[in-house]
Amino acid sequence: MNPNGSPEARTRVAILTASYQVKGYVDLVAGARITDLMNGAKDFVAVTDAEVYEVGSSARHVFSVPFLNICRAHVQIIAPP
């Protein structure tokens, strides 16, 4: 449940920025789409159980963290993996 009392769905996503690919989970209000999340996001998108990789041929794993805020302005692509 979110603070408004609405149920949430944990949704796996892949996010691409100019430098990184992030795989993790976002919380969506039941019935919402990833597009709704991005349209309603302020400055940052919260990702849990995040795994961060470099973009490019190496695709090197950079780090994993339980929580990561990603600047919405840097998100180029967000989609289910």
PDB file of N, CA and C in Angstrom:
ATOM      1  N   MET A   1       0.846  -1.194   0.000  1.00  0.00           N
ATOM      2  CA  MET A   1       0.000   0.000   0.000  1.00  0.00           C
ATOM      3  C   MET A   1       0.883   1.246   0.000  1.00  0.00           C
ATOM      4  N   ASN A   2       0.473   2.230  -0.765  1.00  0.00           N
ATOM      5  CA  ASN A   2       1.195   3.497  -0.732  1.00  0.00           C
ATOM      6  C   ASN A   2       0.583   4.388   0.348  1.00  0.00           C
ATOM      7  N   PRO A   3       1.159   5.571   0.604  1.00  0.00           N
ATOM      8  CA  PRO A   3       0.620   6.437   1.664  1.00  0.00           C
ATOM      9  C   PRO A   3      -0.845   6.840   1.467  1.00  0.00           C
ATOM     10  N   ASN A   4      -1.338   6.784   0.222  1.00  0.00           N
ATOM     11  CA  ASN A   4      -2.734   7.134  -0.049  1.00  0.00           C
ATOM     12  C   ASN A   4      -3.684   5.960   0.189  1.00  0.00           C
ATOM     13  N   GLY A   5      -3.126   4.801   0.555  1.00  0.00           N
ATOM     14  CA  GLY A   5      -3.961   3.638   0.806  1.00  0.00           C
ATOM     15  C   GLY A   5      -4.241   2.798  -0.424  1.00  0.00           C
ATOM     16  N   SER A   6      -3.657   3.145  -1.577  1.00  0.00           N
ATOM     17  CA  SER A   6      -3.857   2.374  -2.799  1.00  0.00           C
ATOM     18  C   SER A   6      -2.846   1.240  -2.868  1.00  0.00           C
ATOM     19  N   PRO A   7      -3.264   0.072  -3.342  1.00  0.00           N
ATOM     20  CA  PRO A   7      -2.315  -1.024  -3.470  1.00  0.00           C
ATOM     21  C   PRO A   7      -1.281  -0.716  -4.556  1.00  0.00           C
ATOM     22  N   GLU A   8      -0.050  -1.255  -4.379  1.00  0.00           N
ATOM     23  CA  GLU A   8       1.008  -1.040  -5.351  1.00  0.00           C
ATOM     24  C   GLU A   8       1.450  -2.371  -5.940  1.00  0.00           C
ATOM     25  N   ALA A   9       1.944  -2.309  -7.158  1.00  0.00           N
ATOM     26  CA  ALA A   9       2.505  -3.480  -7.819  1.00  0.00           C
ATOM     27  C   ALA A   9       3.984  -3.219  -8.066  1.00  0.00           C
ATOM     28  N   ARG A  10       4.818  -4.151  -7.644  1.00  0.00           N
ATOM     29  CA  ARG A  10       6.257  -4.052  -7.876  1.00  0.00           C
ATOM     30  C   ARG A  10       6.508  -4.540  -9.294  1.00  0.00           C
ATOM     31  N   THR A  11       7.067  -3.671 -10.137  1.00  0.00           N
ATOM     32  CA  THR A  11       7.225  -3.963 -11.555  1.00  0.00           C
ATOM     33  C   THR A  11       8.693  -3.902 -11.948  1.00  0.00           C
ATOM     34  N   ARG A  12       9.184  -4.945 -12.587  1.00  0.00           N
ATOM     35  CA  ARG A  12      10.581  -4.992 -13.040  1.00  0.00           C
ATOM     36  C   ARG A  12      10.720  -4.098 -14.266  1.00  0.00           C
ATOM     37  N   VAL A  13      11.796  -3.299 -14.305  1.00  0.00           N
ATOM     38  CA  VAL A  13      12.049  -2.416 -15.435  1.00  0.00           C
ATOM     39  C   VAL A  13      13.529  -2.422 -15.798  1.00  0.00           C
ATOM     40  N   ALA A  14      13.794  -2.018 -17.025  1.00  0.00           N
ATOM     41  CA  ALA A  14      15.138  -1.709 -17.490  1.00  0.00           C
ATOM     42  C   ALA A  14      15.112  -0.241 -17.897  1.00  0.00           C
ATOM     43  N   ILE A  15      16.075   0.520 -17.409  1.00  0.00           N
ATOM     44  CA  ILE A  15      16.143   1.953 -17.687  1.00  0.00           C
ATOM     45  C   ILE A  15      17.472   2.240 -18.372  1.00  0.00           C
ATOM     46  N   LEU A  16      17.423   2.987 -19.460  1.00  0.00           N
ATOM     47  CA  LEU A  16      18.625   3.346 -20.188  1.00  0.00           C
ATOM     48  C   LEU A  16      18.855   4.847 -20.097  1.00  0.00           C
ATOM     49  N   THR A  17      20.078   5.224 -19.705  1.00  0.00           N
ATOM     50  CA  THR A  17      20.507   6.617 -19.751  1.00  0.00           C
ATOM     51  C   THR A  17      21.657   6.676 -20.752  1.00  0.00           C
ATOM     52  N   ALA A  18      22.253   7.837 -20.934  1.00  0.00           N
ATOM     53  CA  ALA A  18      23.365   7.964 -21.875  1.00  0.00           C
ATOM     54  C   ALA A  18      24.563   7.118 -21.447  1.00  0.00           C
ATOM     55  N   SER A  19      24.748   6.932 -20.146  1.00  0.00           N
ATOM     56  CA  SER A  19      25.933   6.234 -19.649  1.00  0.00           C
ATOM     57  C   SER A  19      25.667   4.871 -19.025  1.00  0.00           C
ATOM     58  N   TYR A  20      24.437   4.640 -18.553  1.00  0.00           N
ATOM     59  CA  TYR A  20      24.159   3.445 -17.776  1.00  0.00           C
ATOM     60  C   TYR A  20      22.864   2.761 -18.181  1.00  0.00           C
ATOM     61  N   GLN A  21      22.839   1.456 -17.942  1.00  0.00           N
ATOM     62  CA  GLN A  21      21.601   0.703 -17.992  1.00  0.00           C
ATOM     63  C   GLN A  21      21.329   0.269 -16.558  1.00  0.00           C
ATOM     64  N   VAL A  22      20.106   0.489 -16.096  1.00  0.00           N
ATOM     65  CA  VAL A  22      19.718   0.135 -14.734  1.00  0.00           C
ATOM     66  C   VAL A  22      18.582  -0.874 -14.818  1.00  0.00           C
ATOM     67  N   LYS A  23      18.751  -1.978 -14.094  1.00  0.00           N
ATOM     68  CA  LYS A  23      17.692  -2.986 -13.989  1.00  0.00           C
ATOM     69  C   LYS A  23      17.258  -3.030 -12.540  1.00  0.00           C
ATOM     70  N   GLY A  24      15.953  -3.019 -12.327  1.00  0.00           N
ATOM     71  CA  GLY A  24      15.439  -3.047 -10.969  1.00  0.00           C
ATOM     72  C   GLY A  24      13.922  -3.024 -10.975  1.00  0.00           C
ATOM     73  N   TYR A  25      13.358  -2.534  -9.881  1.00  0.00           N
ATOM     74  CA  TYR A  25      11.900  -2.520  -9.709  1.00  0.00           C
ATOM     75  C   TYR A  25      11.406  -1.117  -9.396  1.00  0.00           C
ATOM     76  N   VAL A  26      10.243  -0.783  -9.941  1.00  0.00           N
ATOM     77  CA  VAL A  26       9.538   0.440  -9.566  1.00  0.00           C
ATOM     78  C   VAL A  26       8.190   0.023  -8.987  1.00  0.00           C
ATOM     79  N   ASP A  27       7.646   0.842  -8.122  1.00  0.00           N
ATOM     80  CA  ASP A  27       6.324   0.580  -7.547  1.00  0.00           C
ATOM     81  C   ASP A  27       5.279   1.373  -8.309  1.00  0.00           C
ATOM     82  N   LEU A  28       4.317   0.658  -8.851  1.00  0.00           N
ATOM     83  CA  LEU A  28       3.211   1.284  -9.580  1.00  0.00           C
ATOM     84  C   LEU A  28       1.926   1.107  -8.792  1.00  0.00           C
ATOM     85  N   VAL A  29       1.092   2.117  -8.791  1.00  0.00           N
ATOM     86  CA  VAL A  29      -0.246   1.986  -8.219  1.00  0.00           C
ATOM     87  C   VAL A  29      -0.982   0.945  -9.067  1.00  0.00           C
ATOM     88  N   ALA A  30      -1.769   0.102  -8.424  1.00  0.00           N
ATOM     89  CA  ALA A  30      -2.485  -0.956  -9.144  1.00  0.00           C
ATOM     90  C   ALA A  30      -3.210  -0.392 -10.356  1.00  0.00           C
ATOM     91  N   GLY A  31      -3.009  -1.020 -11.496  1.00  0.00           N
ATOM     92  CA  GLY A  31      -3.652  -0.600 -12.736  1.00  0.00           C
ATOM     93  C   GLY A  31      -2.886   0.458 -13.513  1.00  0.00           C
ATOM     94  N   ALA A  32      -1.827   1.011 -12.925  1.00  0.00           N
ATOM     95  CA  ALA A  32      -1.047   2.048 -13.608  1.00  0.00           C
ATOM     96  C   ALA A  32      -0.037   1.407 -14.558  1.00  0.00           C
ATOM     97  N   ARG A  33       0.388   2.199 -15.528  1.00  0.00           N
ATOM     98  CA  ARG A  33       1.393   1.768 -16.492  1.00  0.00           C
ATOM     99  C   ARG A  33       2.722   2.465 -16.187  1.00  0.00           C
ATOM    100  N   ILE A  34       3.788   1.975 -16.772  1.00  0.00           N
ATOM    101  CA  ILE A  34       5.087   2.632 -16.619  1.00  0.00           C
ATOM    102  C   ILE A  34       5.012   4.058 -17.159  1.00  0.00           C
ATOM    103  N   THR A  35       4.271   4.249 -18.226  1.00  0.00           N
ATOM    104  CA  THR A  35       4.074   5.597 -18.787  1.00  0.00           C
ATOM    105  C   THR A  35       3.440   6.526 -17.758  1.00  0.00           C
ATOM    106  N   ASP A  36       2.476   6.022 -16.992  1.00  0.00           N
ATOM    107  CA  ASP A  36       1.840   6.826 -15.955  1.00  0.00           C
ATOM    108  C   ASP A  36       2.851   7.224 -14.888  1.00  0.00           C
ATOM    109  N   LEU A  37       3.745   6.293 -14.538  1.00  0.00           N
ATOM    110  CA  LEU A  37       4.794   6.591 -13.565  1.00  0.00           C
ATOM    111  C   LEU A  37       5.665   7.741 -14.054  1.00  0.00           C
ATOM    112  N   MET A  38       6.105   7.674 -15.299  1.00  0.00           N
ATOM    113  CA  MET A  38       6.996   8.711 -15.836  1.00  0.00           C
ATOM    114  C   MET A  38       6.267  10.046 -15.968  1.00  0.00           C
ATOM    115  N   ASN A  39       5.016  10.020 -16.376  1.00  0.00           N
ATOM    116  CA  ASN A  39       4.258  11.273 -16.504  1.00  0.00           C
ATOM    117  C   ASN A  39       4.017  11.929 -15.147  1.00  0.00           C
ATOM    118  N   GLY A  40       3.916  11.118 -14.095  1.00  0.00           N
ATOM    119  CA  GLY A  40       3.657  11.644 -12.758  1.00  0.00           C
ATOM    120  C   GLY A  40       4.911  11.897 -11.942  1.00  0.00           C
ATOM    121  N   ALA A  41       6.062  11.467 -12.457  1.00  0.00           N
ATOM    122  CA  ALA A  41       7.315  11.613 -11.702  1.00  0.00           C
ATOM    123  C   ALA A  41       7.711  13.083 -11.607  1.00  0.00           C
ATOM    124  N   LYS A  42       8.271  13.436 -10.481  1.00  0.00           N
ATOM    125  CA  LYS A  42       8.803  14.794 -10.312  1.00  0.00           C
ATOM    126  C   LYS A  42      10.190  14.821 -10.938  1.00  0.00           C
ATOM    127  N   ASP A  43      11.228  14.983 -10.130  1.00  0.00           N
ATOM    128  CA  ASP A  43      12.585  15.067 -10.651  1.00  0.00           C
ATOM    129  C   ASP A  43      13.293  13.716 -10.709  1.00  0.00           C
ATOM    130  N   PHE A  44      12.840  12.748  -9.900  1.00  0.00           N
ATOM    131  CA  PHE A  44      13.536  11.476  -9.806  1.00  0.00           C
ATOM    132  C   PHE A  44      12.571  10.303  -9.869  1.00  0.00           C
ATOM    133  N   VAL A  45      13.093   9.167 -10.332  1.00  0.00           N
ATOM    134  CA  VAL A  45      12.348   7.914 -10.360  1.00  0.00           C
ATOM    135  C   VAL A  45      13.029   6.977  -9.366  1.00  0.00           C
ATOM    136  N   ALA A  46      12.282   6.447  -8.417  1.00  0.00           N
ATOM    137  CA  ALA A  46      12.824   5.544  -7.406  1.00  0.00           C
ATOM    138  C   ALA A  46      12.861   4.119  -7.947  1.00  0.00           C
ATOM    139  N   VAL A  47      14.040   3.490  -7.845  1.00  0.00           N
ATOM    140  CA  VAL A  47      14.237   2.112  -8.295  1.00  0.00           C
ATOM    141  C   VAL A  47      14.774   1.308  -7.116  1.00  0.00           C
ATOM    142  N   THR A  48      14.161   0.157  -6.849  1.00  0.00           N
ATOM    143  CA  THR A  48      14.649  -0.701  -5.772  1.00  0.00           C
ATOM    144  C   THR A  48      15.342  -1.926  -6.355  1.00  0.00           C
ATOM    145  N   ASP A  49      16.204  -2.540  -5.540  1.00  0.00           N
ATOM    146  CA  ASP A  49      17.000  -3.694  -5.972  1.00  0.00           C
ATOM    147  C   ASP A  49      17.665  -3.412  -7.315  1.00  0.00           C
ATOM    148  N   ALA A  50      18.327  -2.256  -7.390  1.00  0.00           N
ATOM    149  CA  ALA A  50      18.895  -1.762  -8.645  1.00  0.00           C
ATOM    150  C   ALA A  50      20.256  -2.389  -8.944  1.00  0.00           C
ATOM    151  N   GLU A  51      20.446  -2.761 -10.201  1.00  0.00           N
ATOM    152  CA  GLU A  51      21.720  -3.215 -10.726  1.00  0.00           C
ATOM    153  C   GLU A  51      22.109  -2.253 -11.836  1.00  0.00           C
ATOM    154  N   VAL A  52      23.322  -1.683 -11.744  1.00  0.00           N
ATOM    155  CA  VAL A  52      23.758  -0.655 -12.683  1.00  0.00           C
ATOM    156  C   VAL A  52      24.892  -1.204 -13.550  1.00  0.00           C
ATOM    157  N   TYR A  53      24.758  -1.037 -14.872  1.00  0.00           N
ATOM    158  CA  TYR A  53      25.742  -1.501 -15.847  1.00  0.00           C
ATOM    159  C   TYR A  53      26.163  -0.338 -16.738  1.00  0.00           C
ATOM    160  N   GLU A  54      27.412  -0.363 -17.200  1.00  0.00           N
ATOM    161  CA  GLU A  54      27.854   0.619 -18.180  1.00  0.00           C
ATOM    162  C   GLU A  54      27.183   0.319 -19.510  1.00  0.00           C
ATOM    163  N   VAL A  55      26.899   1.367 -20.271  1.00  0.00           N
ATOM    164  CA  VAL A  55      26.371   1.202 -21.619  1.00  0.00           C
ATOM    165  C   VAL A  55      27.570   1.024 -22.548  1.00  0.00           C
ATOM    166  N   GLY A  56      27.450   0.183 -23.511  1.00  0.00           N
ATOM    167  CA  GLY A  56      28.528  -0.024 -24.471  1.00  0.00           C
ATOM    168  C   GLY A  56      28.894  -1.486 -24.574  1.00  0.00           C
ATOM    169  N   SER A  57      29.979  -1.726 -25.270  1.00  0.00           N
ATOM    170  CA  SER A  57      30.371  -3.106 -25.554  1.00  0.00           C
ATOM    171  C   SER A  57      30.772  -3.876 -24.302  1.00  0.00           C
ATOM    172  N   SER A  58      31.292  -3.185 -23.285  1.00  0.00           N
ATOM    173  CA  SER A  58      31.723  -3.903 -22.080  1.00  0.00           C
ATOM    174  C   SER A  58      30.535  -4.308 -21.207  1.00  0.00           C
ATOM    175  N   ALA A  59      29.528  -3.471 -21.135  1.00  0.00           N
ATOM    176  CA  ALA A  59      28.349  -3.705 -20.281  1.00  0.00           C
ATOM    177  C   ALA A  59      28.789  -4.136 -18.883  1.00  0.00           C
ATOM    178  N   ARG A  60      29.866  -3.536 -18.398  1.00  0.00           N
ATOM    179  CA  ARG A  60      30.438  -3.878 -17.095  1.00  0.00           C
ATOM    180  C   ARG A  60      29.460  -3.560 -15.974  1.00  0.00           C
ATOM    181  N   HIS A  61      29.316  -4.518 -15.029  1.00  0.00           N
ATOM    182  CA  HIS A  61      28.479  -4.297 -13.852  1.00  0.00           C
ATOM    183  C   HIS A  61      29.197  -3.292 -12.955  1.00  0.00           C
ATOM    184  N   VAL A  62      28.553  -2.165 -12.659  1.00  0.00           N
ATOM    185  CA  VAL A  62      29.168  -1.097 -11.874  1.00  0.00           C
ATOM    186  C   VAL A  62      28.888  -1.299 -10.391  1.00  0.00           C
ATOM    187  N   PHE A  63      27.608  -1.473 -10.031  1.00  0.00           N
ATOM    188  CA  PHE A  63      27.248  -1.733  -8.638  1.00  0.00           C
ATOM    189  C   PHE A  63      25.795  -2.163  -8.532  1.00  0.00           C
ATOM    190  N   SER A  64      25.464  -2.685  -7.367  1.00  0.00           N
ATOM    191  CA  SER A  64      24.084  -3.051  -7.020  1.00  0.00           C
ATOM    192  C   SER A  64      23.758  -2.368  -5.702  1.00  0.00           C
ATOM    193  N   VAL A  65      22.549  -1.836  -5.599  1.00  0.00           N
ATOM    194  CA  VAL A  65      22.113  -1.168  -4.371  1.00  0.00           C
ATOM    195  C   VAL A  65      20.642  -1.478  -4.119  1.00  0.00           C
ATOM    196  N   PRO A  66      20.208  -1.434  -2.849  1.00  0.00           N
ATOM    197  CA  PRO A  66      18.798  -1.700  -2.558  1.00  0.00           C
ATOM    198  C   PRO A  66      17.872  -0.572  -3.008  1.00  0.00           C
ATOM    199  N   PHE A  67      18.413   0.655  -3.149  1.00  0.00           N
ATOM    200  CA  PHE A  67      17.584   1.799  -3.556  1.00  0.00           C
ATOM    201  C   PHE A  67      18.421   2.768  -4.376  1.00  0.00           C
ATOM    202  N   LEU A  68      17.822   3.299  -5.439  1.00  0.00           N
ATOM    203  CA  LEU A  68      18.511   4.253  -6.298  1.00  0.00           C
ATOM    204  C   LEU A  68      17.494   5.247  -6.840  1.00  0.00           C
ATOM    205  N   ASN A  69      17.809   6.531  -6.772  1.00  0.00           N
ATOM    206  CA  ASN A  69      17.009   7.560  -7.424  1.00  0.00           C
ATOM    207  C   ASN A  69      17.671   7.892  -8.743  1.00  0.00           C
ATOM    208  N   ILE A  70      16.901   7.876  -9.824  1.00  0.00           N
ATOM    209  CA  ILE A  70      17.421   8.216 -11.144  1.00  0.00           C
ATOM    210  C   ILE A  70      16.769   9.513 -11.590  1.00  0.00           C
ATOM    211  N   CYS A  71      17.591  10.455 -12.006  1.00  0.00           N
ATOM    212  CA  CYS A  71      17.086  11.741 -12.487  1.00  0.00           C
ATOM    213  C   CYS A  71      16.211  11.505 -13.715  1.00  0.00           C
ATOM    214  N   ARG A  72      14.979  11.917 -13.628  1.00  0.00           N
ATOM    215  CA  ARG A  72      14.002  11.706 -14.704  1.00  0.00           C
ATOM    216  C   ARG A  72      14.486  12.291 -16.031  1.00  0.00           C
ATOM    217  N   ALA A  73      15.173  13.430 -15.983  1.00  0.00           N
ATOM    218  CA  ALA A  73      15.642  14.091 -17.206  1.00  0.00           C
ATOM    219  C   ALA A  73      16.694  13.257 -17.942  1.00  0.00           C
ATOM    220  N   HIS A  74      17.343  12.319 -17.264  1.00  0.00           N
ATOM    221  CA  HIS A  74      18.382  11.503 -17.890  1.00  0.00           C
ATOM    222  C   HIS A  74      17.850  10.182 -18.434  1.00  0.00           C
ATOM    223  N   VAL A  75      16.606   9.862 -18.148  1.00  0.00           N
ATOM    224  CA  VAL A  75      16.020   8.607 -18.626  1.00  0.00           C
ATOM    225  C   VAL A  75      15.716   8.754 -20.112  1.00  0.00           C
ATOM    226  N   GLN A  76      16.366   7.890 -20.915  1.00  0.00           N
ATOM    227  CA  GLN A  76      16.103   7.880 -22.353  1.00  0.00           C
ATOM    228  C   GLN A  76      15.073   6.835 -22.723  1.00  0.00           C
ATOM    229  N   ILE A  77      15.162   5.679 -22.052  1.00  0.00           N
ATOM    230  CA  ILE A  77      14.223   4.581 -22.304  1.00  0.00           C
ATOM    231  C   ILE A  77      13.914   3.914 -20.966  1.00  0.00           C
ATOM    232  N   ILE A  78      12.644   3.574 -20.753  1.00  0.00           N
ATOM    233  CA  ILE A  78      12.254   2.751 -19.608  1.00  0.00           C
ATOM    234  C   ILE A  78      11.214   1.747 -20.125  1.00  0.00           C
ATOM    235  N   ALA A  79      11.463   0.482 -19.806  1.00  0.00           N
ATOM    236  CA  ALA A  79      10.582  -0.569 -20.321  1.00  0.00           C
ATOM    237  C   ALA A  79      10.712  -1.814 -19.463  1.00  0.00           C
ATOM    238  N   PRO A  80       9.713  -2.702 -19.545  1.00  0.00           N
ATOM    239  CA  PRO A  80       9.877  -3.999 -18.894  1.00  0.00           C
ATOM    240  C   PRO A  80      11.004  -4.731 -19.626  1.00  0.00           C
ATOM    241  N   PRO A  81      11.848  -5.483 -18.889  1.00  0.00           N
ATOM    242  CA  PRO A  81      12.956  -6.179 -19.573  1.00  0.00           C
ATOM    243  C   PRO A  81      12.471  -7.354 -20.401  1.00  0.00           C
TER     244      PRO A  81
END
